[in-house]
Amino acid sequence: METVFSPAVTDSVRSATKDAQKLGQDVKGEFKDAVSRGRDIAGHFATDARTAADELSERAKETLLEGRNRASKAVGRVSDYADNNTALVTVAAFGAGMLLGYLVTRRS
């Protein structure tokens, strides 16, 4: 079967086909490289995010522990004050109870 195209046209078509295939392979290679770089970047981002979250979690634990210690010391000081000034605390509690009772039973 003979072609109707001249040998120059046939050679041009073959050359264009080879160029298109090479271009397709180059694009495919570049795409694979881009995907690989994207995966690497995503992996680094995930690692950085995990590290930041761990640091934040550790900091929150330290802050909570410090707050707990401060609250415990404050409760200890209040307890010590109440033990050393029992009469004053009793009178203050009685007065607060009387005031609260008055406010609750008072009519508008």
Protein backbone atom coordinates (compact mmCIF):
# COMPACT_ATOMS: atom_id res chain seq x y z
CA MET A 1 0.00 0.00 0.00
CA GLU A 2 1.43 3.29 -1.05
CA THR A 3 1.11 6.54 0.82
CA VAL A 4 -0.26 9.57 -0.90
CA PHE A 5 2.13 11.84 0.95
CA SER A 6 5.56 12.74 -0.29
CA PRO A 7 8.62 11.39 1.56
CA ALA A 8 9.34 14.86 2.98
CA VAL A 9 5.86 15.06 4.55
CA THR A 10 6.18 11.53 5.93
CA ASP A 11 9.55 12.39 7.47
CA SER A 12 8.11 15.59 8.95
CA VAL A 13 5.23 13.64 10.48
CA ARG A 14 7.63 11.05 11.94
CA SER A 15 9.84 13.79 13.32
CA ALA A 16 6.82 15.58 14.82
CA THR A 17 5.65 12.28 16.33
CA LYS A 18 9.04 11.66 17.92
CA ASP A 19 9.16 15.23 19.23
CA ALA A 20 5.64 14.87 20.66
CA GLN A 21 6.57 11.58 22.35
CA LYS A 22 9.74 13.14 23.79
CA LEU A 23 7.75 16.13 25.00
CA GLY A 24 5.19 13.78 26.58
CA GLN A 25 7.96 11.86 28.35
CA ASP A 26 9.54 15.10 29.54
CA VAL A 27 6.20 16.33 30.88
CA LYS A 28 5.60 12.98 32.56
CA GLY A 29 9.08 13.12 34.17
CA GLU A 30 8.55 16.69 35.36
CA PHE A 31 5.15 15.75 36.76
CA LYS A 32 6.65 12.82 38.67
CA ASP A 33 9.34 15.13 40.05
CA ALA A 34 6.71 17.67 41.09
CA VAL A 35 4.66 14.97 42.82
CA SER A 36 7.76 13.68 44.60
CA ARG A 37 8.69 17.19 45.76
CA GLY A 38 5.09 17.75 46.87
CA ARG A 39 5.18 14.57 48.95
CA ASP A 40 8.48 15.62 50.51
CA ILE A 41 7.12 19.05 51.33
CA ALA A 42 3.94 17.54 52.79
CA GLY A 43 6.04 15.16 54.87
CA HIS A 44 8.18 18.01 56.20
CA PHE A 45 5.07 20.06 56.90
CA ALA A 46 3.47 17.17 58.79
CA THR A 47 6.64 16.67 60.82
CA ASP A 48 6.86 20.38 61.63
CA ALA A 49 3.18 20.49 62.58
CA ARG A 50 3.60 17.44 64.81
CA THR A 51 6.64 19.00 66.49
CA ALA A 52 4.79 22.28 67.05
CA ALA A 53 1.79 20.44 68.48
CA ASP A 54 4.03 18.43 70.81
CA GLU A 55 5.74 21.62 72.01
CA LEU A 56 2.39 23.32 72.55
CA SER A 57 1.05 20.30 74.42
CA GLU A 58 4.14 20.19 76.64
CA ARG A 59 3.81 23.90 77.34
CA ALA A 60 0.13 23.51 78.23
CA LYS A 61 0.97 20.67 80.63
CA GLU A 62 3.65 22.80 82.30
CA THR A 63 1.24 25.73 82.62
CA LEU A 64 -1.47 23.49 84.07
CA LEU A 65 0.97 22.00 86.57
CA GLU A 66 2.18 25.47 87.58
CA GLY A 67 -1.43 26.64 88.00
CA ARG A 68 -2.21 23.59 90.10
CA ASN A 69 0.80 24.24 92.32
CA ARG A 70 -0.16 27.89 92.76
CA ALA A 71 -3.77 26.97 93.60
CA SER A 72 -2.56 24.38 96.09
CA LYS A 73 -0.30 26.95 97.77
CA ALA A 74 -3.16 29.47 97.90
CA VAL A 75 -5.49 26.91 99.47
CA GLY A 76 -2.76 26.07 101.98
CA ARG A 77 -2.33 29.74 102.87
CA VAL A 78 -6.08 30.24 103.28
CA SER A 79 -6.28 27.13 105.43
CA ASP A 80 -3.33 28.31 107.56
CA TYR A 81 -4.94 31.76 107.93
CA ALA A 82 -8.25 30.17 108.94
CA ASP A 83 -6.46 27.96 111.48
CA ASN A 84 -4.56 30.92 112.97
CA ASN A 85 -7.57 33.30 113.00
CA THR A 86 -10.49 31.00 113.82
CA ALA A 87 -12.54 33.61 115.66
CA LEU A 88 -12.19 36.19 112.88
CA VAL A 89 -13.09 33.65 110.18
CA THR A 90 -16.10 32.47 112.19
CA VAL A 91 -17.40 36.01 112.65
CA ALA A 92 -16.84 36.80 108.97
CA ALA A 93 -18.66 33.61 107.89
CA PHE A 94 -21.52 34.38 110.28
CA GLY A 95 -21.77 37.96 108.95
CA ALA A 96 -21.72 36.75 105.32
CA GLY A 97 -24.47 34.25 106.17
CA MET A 98 -26.59 36.91 107.82
CA LEU A 99 -26.17 39.27 104.84
CA LEU A 100 -27.01 36.50 102.37
CA GLY A 101 -30.04 35.46 104.44
CA TYR A 102 -31.25 39.05 104.55
CA LEU A 103 -30.86 39.49 100.80
CA VAL A 104 -32.67 36.22 100.05
CA THR A 105 -35.63 36.86 102.38
CA ARG A 106 -36.07 40.53 101.63
CA ARG A 107 -39.10 41.46 99.52
CA SER A 108 -38.87 43.77 96.55
